[in-house]
Each structure stands twice: as C-alpha cells, then as structure tokens.
Amino acid sequence: MTRQSRDAGEVLVRVGGVVFGVGTLATVVTFVPFLFHLQRLPSIAYGLSMLMPAGLLLALVGLFTTARAESRRRRAAREAAASS
C-alpha cells in the first residue's frame, strides 16, 4: 500500500463515491413509481435519496483534504531541500 492510498482524504473520496452511488440508486428507484403510475414508496425511500448530495460532499471534502496534505508534503520537501 502506498502512502497516498492510506490518506484520510483518499478514504473519504472512496466512501463518498459509494454513498453517492447508493443515493443515486435510491433516487432512480423513487422516480419509478411516478413514471409508471404505481403506488408511492415510503418516506424512507425519499430520505435515502438525500445520500446523493451527502456522498458528493464527502468526496469533495476528501479531495480538498488530499490536496492540502499533498501541498504540505511538497512544502516540507522543498524546505528540506533548501536547508541541505
């Protein structure tokens, strides 16, 4: 395992992607009754649709976290090279 794959930001991006996928699936499932004039789903199904933006937010936070960590690593390497 490399150092980057263990970063907290990378984990957040992966978890965010999974949560986004589940939310997308729930959103598609909630639209099916409207398209085929079926009985409405319980409210929990519509609540699960809110996982889509939550997953997007998690992934974005992970991207920013990874970018900040990479910036810190580059700065530390640059300072170490300058002090040598």
PDB file of N, CA and C in Angstrom:
ATOM      1  N   MET A   1       0.831  -1.177   0.000  1.00  0.00           N
ATOM      2  CA  MET A   1       0.000   0.000   0.000  1.00  0.00           C
ATOM      3  C   MET A   1       0.877   1.241   0.000  1.00  0.00           C
ATOM      4  N   THR A   2       0.552   2.178  -0.846  1.00  0.00           N
ATOM      5  CA  THR A   2       1.340   3.400  -0.889  1.00  0.00           C
ATOM      6  C   THR A   2       0.854   4.373   0.165  1.00  0.00           C
ATOM      7  N   ARG A   3       1.628   5.405   0.338  1.00  0.00           N
ATOM      8  CA  ARG A   3       1.289   6.393   1.349  1.00  0.00           C
ATOM      9  C   ARG A   3      -0.009   7.113   0.991  1.00  0.00           C
ATOM     10  N   GLN A   4      -0.186   7.433  -0.290  1.00  0.00           N
ATOM     11  CA  GLN A   4      -1.373   8.177  -0.691  1.00  0.00           C
ATOM     12  C   GLN A   4      -2.655   7.368  -0.530  1.00  0.00           C
ATOM     13  N   SER A   5      -2.607   6.062  -0.747  1.00  0.00           N
ATOM     14  CA  SER A   5      -3.829   5.272  -0.635  1.00  0.00           C
ATOM     15  C   SER A   5      -4.292   5.143   0.818  1.00  0.00           C
ATOM     16  N   ARG A   6      -3.418   5.433   1.780  1.00  0.00           N
ATOM     17  CA  ARG A   6      -3.794   5.352   3.185  1.00  0.00           C
ATOM     18  C   ARG A   6      -4.247   6.695   3.734  1.00  0.00           C
ATOM     19  N   ASP A   7      -4.143   7.754   2.948  1.00  0.00           N
ATOM     20  CA  ASP A   7      -4.537   9.073   3.426  1.00  0.00           C
ATOM     21  C   ASP A   7      -6.025   9.113   3.759  1.00  0.00           C
ATOM     22  N   ALA A   8      -6.356   9.934   4.743  1.00  0.00           N
ATOM     23  CA  ALA A   8      -7.763  10.082   5.133  1.00  0.00           C
ATOM     24  C   ALA A   8      -8.584  10.658   3.986  1.00  0.00           C
ATOM     25  N   GLY A   9      -7.997  11.531   3.201  1.00  0.00           N
ATOM     26  CA  GLY A   9      -8.709  12.115   2.072  1.00  0.00           C
ATOM     27  C   GLY A   9      -9.089  11.083   1.040  1.00  0.00           C
ATOM     28  N   GLU A  10      -8.192  10.149   0.792  1.00  0.00           N
ATOM     29  CA  GLU A  10      -8.480   9.090  -0.181  1.00  0.00           C
ATOM     30  C   GLU A  10      -9.626   8.204   0.303  1.00  0.00           C
ATOM     31  N   VAL A  11      -9.637   7.921   1.581  1.00  0.00           N
ATOM     32  CA  VAL A  11     -10.720   7.110   2.155  1.00  0.00           C
ATOM     33  C   VAL A  11     -12.041   7.859   2.039  1.00  0.00           C
ATOM     34  N   LEU A  12     -12.031   9.156   2.303  1.00  0.00           N
ATOM     35  CA  LEU A  12     -13.254   9.956   2.190  1.00  0.00           C
ATOM     36  C   LEU A  12     -13.776   9.975   0.760  1.00  0.00           C
ATOM     37  N   VAL A  13     -12.877  10.052  -0.209  1.00  0.00           N
ATOM     38  CA  VAL A  13     -13.306  10.046  -1.605  1.00  0.00           C
ATOM     39  C   VAL A  13     -13.968   8.723  -1.950  1.00  0.00           C
ATOM     40  N   ARG A  14     -13.368   7.628  -1.520  1.00  0.00           N
ATOM     41  CA  ARG A  14     -13.954   6.311  -1.813  1.00  0.00           C
ATOM     42  C   ARG A  14     -15.296   6.123  -1.125  1.00  0.00           C
ATOM     43  N   VAL A  15     -15.377   6.485   0.150  1.00  0.00           N
ATOM     44  CA  VAL A  15     -16.640   6.357   0.882  1.00  0.00           C
ATOM     45  C   VAL A  15     -17.691   7.277   0.268  1.00  0.00           C
ATOM     46  N   GLY A  16     -17.285   8.484  -0.084  1.00  0.00           N
ATOM     47  CA  GLY A  16     -18.208   9.419  -0.730  1.00  0.00           C
ATOM     48  C   GLY A  16     -18.740   8.879  -2.041  1.00  0.00           C
ATOM     49  N   GLY A  17     -17.894   8.209  -2.799  1.00  0.00           N
ATOM     50  CA  GLY A  17     -18.339   7.611  -4.056  1.00  0.00           C
ATOM     51  C   GLY A  17     -19.371   6.520  -3.846  1.00  0.00           C
ATOM     52  N   VAL A  18     -19.154   5.699  -2.829  1.00  0.00           N
ATOM     53  CA  VAL A  18     -20.109   4.628  -2.527  1.00  0.00           C
ATOM     54  C   VAL A  18     -21.435   5.222  -2.043  1.00  0.00           C
ATOM     55  N   VAL A  19     -21.362   6.202  -1.158  1.00  0.00           N
ATOM     56  CA  VAL A  19     -22.581   6.837  -0.642  1.00  0.00           C
ATOM     57  C   VAL A  19     -23.330   7.532  -1.782  1.00  0.00           C
ATOM     58  N   PHE A  20     -22.604   8.183  -2.671  1.00  0.00           N
ATOM     59  CA  PHE A  20     -23.215   8.838  -3.825  1.00  0.00           C
ATOM     60  C   PHE A  20     -23.916   7.804  -4.710  1.00  0.00           C
ATOM     61  N   GLY A  21     -23.272   6.668  -4.920  1.00  0.00           N
ATOM     62  CA  GLY A  21     -23.880   5.610  -5.728  1.00  0.00           C
ATOM     63  C   GLY A  21     -25.160   5.080  -5.122  1.00  0.00           C
ATOM     64  N   VAL A  22     -25.165   4.859  -3.812  1.00  0.00           N
ATOM     65  CA  VAL A  22     -26.371   4.389  -3.125  1.00  0.00           C
ATOM     66  C   VAL A  22     -27.481   5.445  -3.235  1.00  0.00           C
ATOM     67  N   GLY A  23     -27.109   6.702  -3.070  1.00  0.00           N
ATOM     68  CA  GLY A  23     -28.089   7.781  -3.201  1.00  0.00           C
ATOM     69  C   GLY A  23     -28.645   7.886  -4.608  1.00  0.00           C
ATOM     70  N   THR A  24     -27.797   7.671  -5.604  1.00  0.00           N
ATOM     71  CA  THR A  24     -28.255   7.701  -6.986  1.00  0.00           C
ATOM     72  C   THR A  24     -29.237   6.567  -7.256  1.00  0.00           C
ATOM     73  N   LEU A  25     -28.913   5.390  -6.772  1.00  0.00           N
ATOM     74  CA  LEU A  25     -29.809   4.250  -6.934  1.00  0.00           C
ATOM     75  C   LEU A  25     -31.150   4.511  -6.245  1.00  0.00           C
ATOM     76  N   ALA A  26     -31.114   5.079  -5.044  1.00  0.00           N
ATOM     77  CA  ALA A  26     -32.349   5.392  -4.325  1.00  0.00           C
ATOM     78  C   ALA A  26     -33.162   6.441  -5.074  1.00  0.00           C
ATOM     79  N   THR A  27     -32.501   7.404  -5.689  1.00  0.00           N
ATOM     80  CA  THR A  27     -33.203   8.429  -6.455  1.00  0.00           C
ATOM     81  C   THR A  27     -33.900   7.822  -7.667  1.00  0.00           C
ATOM     82  N   VAL A  28     -33.208   6.944  -8.369  1.00  0.00           N
ATOM     83  CA  VAL A  28     -33.811   6.287  -9.525  1.00  0.00           C
ATOM     84  C   VAL A  28     -35.009   5.447  -9.093  1.00  0.00           C
ATOM     85  N   VAL A  29     -34.862   4.726  -7.991  1.00  0.00           N
ATOM     86  CA  VAL A  29     -35.957   3.875  -7.504  1.00  0.00           C
ATOM     87  C   VAL A  29     -37.165   4.714  -7.093  1.00  0.00           C
ATOM     88  N   THR A  30     -36.948   5.892  -6.551  1.00  0.00           N
ATOM     89  CA  THR A  30     -38.088   6.722  -6.135  1.00  0.00           C
ATOM     90  C   THR A  30     -38.815   7.336  -7.317  1.00  0.00           C
ATOM     91  N   PHE A  31     -38.147   7.469  -8.466  1.00  0.00           N
ATOM     92  CA  PHE A  31     -38.821   8.022  -9.637  1.00  0.00           C
ATOM     93  C   PHE A  31     -39.636   6.982 -10.399  1.00  0.00           C
ATOM     94  N   VAL A  32     -39.339   5.717 -10.228  1.00  0.00           N
ATOM     95  CA  VAL A  32     -40.055   4.660 -10.958  1.00  0.00           C
ATOM     96  C   VAL A  32     -41.560   4.707 -10.700  1.00  0.00           C
ATOM     97  N   PRO A  33     -42.039   4.835  -9.460  1.00  0.00           N
ATOM     98  CA  PRO A  33     -43.496   4.894  -9.260  1.00  0.00           C
ATOM     99  C   PRO A  33     -44.156   6.080  -9.969  1.00  0.00           C
ATOM    100  N   PHE A  34     -43.465   7.194 -10.098  1.00  0.00           N
ATOM    101  CA  PHE A  34     -44.032   8.342 -10.792  1.00  0.00           C
ATOM    102  C   PHE A  34     -44.161   8.078 -12.294  1.00  0.00           C
ATOM    103  N   LEU A  35     -43.196   7.393 -12.862  1.00  0.00           N
ATOM    104  CA  LEU A  35     -43.199   7.144 -14.300  1.00  0.00           C
ATOM    105  C   LEU A  35     -44.226   6.096 -14.710  1.00  0.00           C
ATOM    106  N   PHE A  36     -44.440   5.104 -13.861  1.00  0.00           N
ATOM    107  CA  PHE A  36     -45.337   4.010 -14.203  1.00  0.00           C
ATOM    108  C   PHE A  36     -46.662   4.064 -13.432  1.00  0.00           C
ATOM    109  N   HIS A  37     -46.937   5.185 -12.777  1.00  0.00           N
ATOM    110  CA  HIS A  37     -48.183   5.399 -12.039  1.00  0.00           C
ATOM    111  C   HIS A  37     -48.455   4.278 -11.040  1.00  0.00           C
ATOM    112  N   LEU A  38     -47.434   3.951 -10.257  1.00  0.00           N
ATOM    113  CA  LEU A  38     -47.551   2.936  -9.221  1.00  0.00           C
ATOM    114  C   LEU A  38     -47.779   3.607  -7.877  1.00  0.00           C
ATOM    115  N   GLN A  39     -47.971   2.785  -6.851  1.00  0.00           N
ATOM    116  CA  GLN A  39     -48.164   3.320  -5.508  1.00  0.00           C
ATOM    117  C   GLN A  39     -46.862   3.956  -5.022  1.00  0.00           C
ATOM    118  N   ARG A  40     -46.997   5.074  -4.297  1.00  0.00           N
ATOM    119  CA  ARG A  40     -45.817   5.779  -3.794  1.00  0.00           C
ATOM    120  C   ARG A  40     -45.046   4.922  -2.804  1.00  0.00           C
ATOM    121  N   LEU A  41     -43.749   5.159  -2.753  1.00  0.00           N
ATOM    122  CA  LEU A  41     -42.884   4.447  -1.812  1.00  0.00           C
ATOM    123  C   LEU A  41     -42.959   5.107  -0.441  1.00  0.00           C
ATOM    124  N   PRO A  42     -42.522   4.403   0.610  1.00  0.00           N
ATOM    125  CA  PRO A  42     -42.496   5.017   1.947  1.00  0.00           C
ATOM    126  C   PRO A  42     -41.515   6.199   1.988  1.00  0.00           C
ATOM    127  N   SER A  43     -41.685   7.027   2.971  1.00  0.00           N
ATOM    128  CA  SER A  43     -40.864   8.236   3.090  1.00  0.00           C
ATOM    129  C   SER A  43     -39.375   7.937   3.233  1.00  0.00           C
ATOM    130  N   ILE A  44     -39.034   6.792   3.788  1.00  0.00           N
ATOM    131  CA  ILE A  44     -37.625   6.455   3.975  1.00  0.00           C
ATOM    132  C   ILE A  44     -36.906   6.364   2.627  1.00  0.00           C
ATOM    133  N   ALA A  45     -37.613   5.961   1.591  1.00  0.00           N
ATOM    134  CA  ALA A  45     -37.001   5.885   0.261  1.00  0.00           C
ATOM    135  C   ALA A  45     -36.591   7.270  -0.217  1.00  0.00           C
ATOM    136  N   TYR A  46     -37.426   8.262   0.053  1.00  0.00           N
ATOM    137  CA  TYR A  46     -37.083   9.627  -0.339  1.00  0.00           C
ATOM    138  C   TYR A  46     -35.953  10.168   0.535  1.00  0.00           C
ATOM    139  N   GLY A  47     -35.912   9.731   1.783  1.00  0.00           N
ATOM    140  CA  GLY A  47     -34.807  10.120   2.662  1.00  0.00           C
ATOM    141  C   GLY A  47     -33.475   9.554   2.186  1.00  0.00           C
ATOM    142  N   LEU A  48     -33.510   8.319   1.663  1.00  0.00           N
ATOM    143  CA  LEU A  48     -32.282   7.715   1.148  1.00  0.00           C
ATOM    144  C   LEU A  48     -31.757   8.467  -0.076  1.00  0.00           C
ATOM    145  N   SER A  49     -32.632   9.147  -0.776  1.00  0.00           N
ATOM    146  CA  SER A  49     -32.188   9.941  -1.921  1.00  0.00           C
ATOM    147  C   SER A  49     -31.260  11.073  -1.485  1.00  0.00           C
ATOM    148  N   MET A  50     -31.376  11.479  -0.238  1.00  0.00           N
ATOM    149  CA  MET A  50     -30.512  12.553   0.265  1.00  0.00           C
ATOM    150  C   MET A  50     -29.076  12.085   0.474  1.00  0.00           C
ATOM    151  N   LEU A  51     -28.824  10.796   0.297  1.00  0.00           N
ATOM    152  CA  LEU A  51     -27.448  10.313   0.378  1.00  0.00           C
ATOM    153  C   LEU A  51     -26.620  10.788  -0.818  1.00  0.00           C
ATOM    154  N   MET A  52     -27.282  11.100  -1.911  1.00  0.00           N
ATOM    155  CA  MET A  52     -26.568  11.540  -3.107  1.00  0.00           C
ATOM    156  C   MET A  52     -25.770  12.827  -2.849  1.00  0.00           C
ATOM    157  N   PRO A  53     -26.393  13.903  -2.369  1.00  0.00           N
ATOM    158  CA  PRO A  53     -25.590  15.095  -2.087  1.00  0.00           C
ATOM    159  C   PRO A  53     -24.618  14.901  -0.919  1.00  0.00           C
ATOM    160  N   ALA A  54     -24.990  14.043   0.035  1.00  0.00           N
ATOM    161  CA  ALA A  54     -24.083  13.780   1.151  1.00  0.00           C
ATOM    162  C   ALA A  54     -22.814  13.075   0.656  1.00  0.00           C
ATOM    163  N   GLY A  55     -22.975  12.144  -0.277  1.00  0.00           N
ATOM    164  CA  GLY A  55     -21.821  11.461  -0.859  1.00  0.00           C
ATOM    165  C   GLY A  55     -20.945  12.413  -1.649  1.00  0.00           C
ATOM    166  N   LEU A  56     -21.578  13.314  -2.385  1.00  0.00           N
ATOM    167  CA  LEU A  56     -20.816  14.317  -3.131  1.00  0.00           C
ATOM    168  C   LEU A  56     -20.020  15.204  -2.179  1.00  0.00           C
ATOM    169  N   LEU A  57     -20.634  15.603  -1.100  1.00  0.00           N
ATOM    170  CA  LEU A  57     -19.943  16.435  -0.108  1.00  0.00           C
ATOM    171  C   LEU A  57     -18.771  15.691   0.514  1.00  0.00           C
ATOM    172  N   LEU A  58     -18.966  14.428   0.858  1.00  0.00           N
ATOM    173  CA  LEU A  58     -17.866  13.627   1.420  1.00  0.00           C
ATOM    174  C   LEU A  58     -16.699  13.523   0.438  1.00  0.00           C
ATOM    175  N   ALA A  59     -17.008  13.271  -0.813  1.00  0.00           N
ATOM    176  CA  ALA A  59     -15.956  13.143  -1.820  1.00  0.00           C
ATOM    177  C   ALA A  59     -15.211  14.462  -2.007  1.00  0.00           C
ATOM    178  N   LEU A  60     -15.922  15.573  -2.012  1.00  0.00           N
ATOM    179  CA  LEU A  60     -15.264  16.875  -2.159  1.00  0.00           C
ATOM    180  C   LEU A  60     -14.376  17.191  -0.964  1.00  0.00           C
ATOM    181  N   VAL A  61     -14.855  16.870   0.234  1.00  0.00           N
ATOM    182  CA  VAL A  61     -14.027  17.077   1.432  1.00  0.00           C
ATOM    183  C   VAL A  61     -12.775  16.217   1.348  1.00  0.00           C
ATOM    184  N   GLY A  62     -12.925  14.990   0.866  1.00  0.00           N
ATOM    185  CA  GLY A  62     -11.763  14.122   0.689  1.00  0.00           C
ATOM    186  C   GLY A  62     -10.774  14.667  -0.319  1.00  0.00           C
ATOM    187  N   LEU A  63     -11.281  15.222  -1.419  1.00  0.00           N
ATOM    188  CA  LEU A  63     -10.388  15.812  -2.424  1.00  0.00           C
ATOM    189  C   LEU A  63      -9.610  16.989  -1.846  1.00  0.00           C
ATOM    190  N   PHE A  64     -10.301  17.865  -1.122  1.00  0.00           N
ATOM    191  CA  PHE A  64      -9.613  19.010  -0.517  1.00  0.00           C
ATOM    192  C   PHE A  64      -8.607  18.570   0.539  1.00  0.00           C
ATOM    193  N   THR A  65      -8.954  17.548   1.314  1.00  0.00           N
ATOM    194  CA  THR A  65      -8.038  17.027   2.326  1.00  0.00           C
ATOM    195  C   THR A  65      -6.780  16.455   1.685  1.00  0.00           C
ATOM    196  N   THR A  66      -6.955  15.695   0.616  1.00  0.00           N
ATOM    197  CA  THR A  66      -5.812  15.125  -0.091  1.00  0.00           C
ATOM    198  C   THR A  66      -4.946  16.219  -0.698  1.00  0.00           C
ATOM    199  N   ALA A  67      -5.580  17.232  -1.276  1.00  0.00           N
ATOM    200  CA  ALA A  67      -4.822  18.322  -1.879  1.00  0.00           C
ATOM    201  C   ALA A  67      -4.006  19.083  -0.833  1.00  0.00           C
ATOM    202  N   ARG A  68      -4.600  19.324   0.318  1.00  0.00           N
ATOM    203  CA  ARG A  68      -3.856  20.021   1.383  1.00  0.00           C
ATOM    204  C   ARG A  68      -2.690  19.181   1.895  1.00  0.00           C
ATOM    205  N   ALA A  69      -2.909  17.884   2.057  1.00  0.00           N
ATOM    206  CA  ALA A  69      -1.835  17.011   2.531  1.00  0.00           C
ATOM    207  C   ALA A  69      -0.692  16.961   1.514  1.00  0.00           C
ATOM    208  N   GLU A  70      -1.035  16.879   0.247  1.00  0.00           N
ATOM    209  CA  GLU A  70      -0.004  16.863  -0.798  1.00  0.00           C
ATOM    210  C   GLU A  70       0.756  18.185  -0.837  1.00  0.00           C
ATOM    211  N   SER A  71       0.058  19.282  -0.635  1.00  0.00           N
ATOM    212  CA  SER A  71       0.712  20.587  -0.595  1.00  0.00           C
ATOM    213  C   SER A  71       1.684  20.675   0.576  1.00  0.00           C
ATOM    214  N   ARG A  72       1.258  20.150   1.732  1.00  0.00           N
ATOM    215  CA  ARG A  72       2.148  20.151   2.896  1.00  0.00           C
ATOM    216  C   ARG A  72       3.383  19.294   2.644  1.00  0.00           C
ATOM    217  N   ARG A  73       3.196  18.136   2.000  1.00  0.00           N
ATOM    218  CA  ARG A  73       4.341  17.266   1.699  1.00  0.00           C
ATOM    219  C   ARG A  73       5.323  17.948   0.757  1.00  0.00           C
ATOM    220  N   ARG A  74       4.793  18.609  -0.270  1.00  0.00           N
ATOM    221  CA  ARG A  74       5.678  19.307  -1.212  1.00  0.00           C
ATOM    222  C   ARG A  74       6.428  20.440  -0.537  1.00  0.00           C
ATOM    223  N   ARG A  75       5.725  21.182   0.311  1.00  0.00           N
ATOM    224  CA  ARG A  75       6.367  22.297   1.017  1.00  0.00           C
ATOM    225  C   ARG A  75       7.468  21.788   1.936  1.00  0.00           C
ATOM    226  N   ALA A  76       7.200  20.678   2.653  1.00  0.00           N
ATOM    227  CA  ALA A  76       8.206  20.107   3.546  1.00  0.00           C
ATOM    228  C   ALA A  76       9.408  19.603   2.758  1.00  0.00           C
ATOM    229  N   ALA A  77       9.167  18.984   1.616  1.00  0.00           N
ATOM    230  CA  ALA A  77      10.275  18.510   0.787  1.00  0.00           C
ATOM    231  C   ALA A  77      11.090  19.671   0.232  1.00  0.00           C
ATOM    232  N   ARG A  78      10.408  20.732  -0.157  1.00  0.00           N
ATOM    233  CA  ARG A  78      11.087  21.921  -0.673  1.00  0.00           C
ATOM    234  C   ARG A  78      11.941  22.571   0.416  1.00  0.00           C
ATOM    235  N   GLU A  79      11.406  22.660   1.630  1.00  0.00           N
ATOM    236  CA  GLU A  79      12.157  23.250   2.741  1.00  0.00           C
ATOM    237  C   GLU A  79      13.347  22.368   3.121  1.00  0.00           C
ATOM    238  N   ALA A  80      13.162  21.052   3.080  1.00  0.00           N
ATOM    239  CA  ALA A  80      14.264  20.140   3.402  1.00  0.00           C
ATOM    240  C   ALA A  80      15.369  20.249   2.366  1.00  0.00           C
ATOM    241  N   ALA A  81      14.992  20.397   1.098  1.00  0.00           N
ATOM    242  CA  ALA A  81      15.990  20.536   0.038  1.00  0.00           C
ATOM    243  C   ALA A  81      16.722  21.875   0.143  1.00  0.00           C
ATOM    244  N   ALA A  82      16.006  22.917   0.555  1.00  0.00           N
ATOM    245  CA  ALA A  82      16.606  24.228   0.666  1.00  0.00           C
ATOM    246  C   ALA A  82      17.582  24.315   1.850  1.00  0.00           C
ATOM    247  N   SER A  83      17.295  23.562   2.917  1.00  0.00           N
ATOM    248  CA  SER A  83      18.147  23.616   4.103  1.00  0.00           C
ATOM    249  C   SER A  83      19.386  22.731   3.975  1.00  0.00           C
ATOM    250  N   SER A  84      19.403  21.872   2.975  1.00  0.00           N
ATOM    251  CA  SER A  84      20.562  20.962   2.799  1.00  0.00           C
ATOM    252  C   SER A  84      21.726  21.643   2.166  1.00  0.00           C
TER     253      SER A  84
END
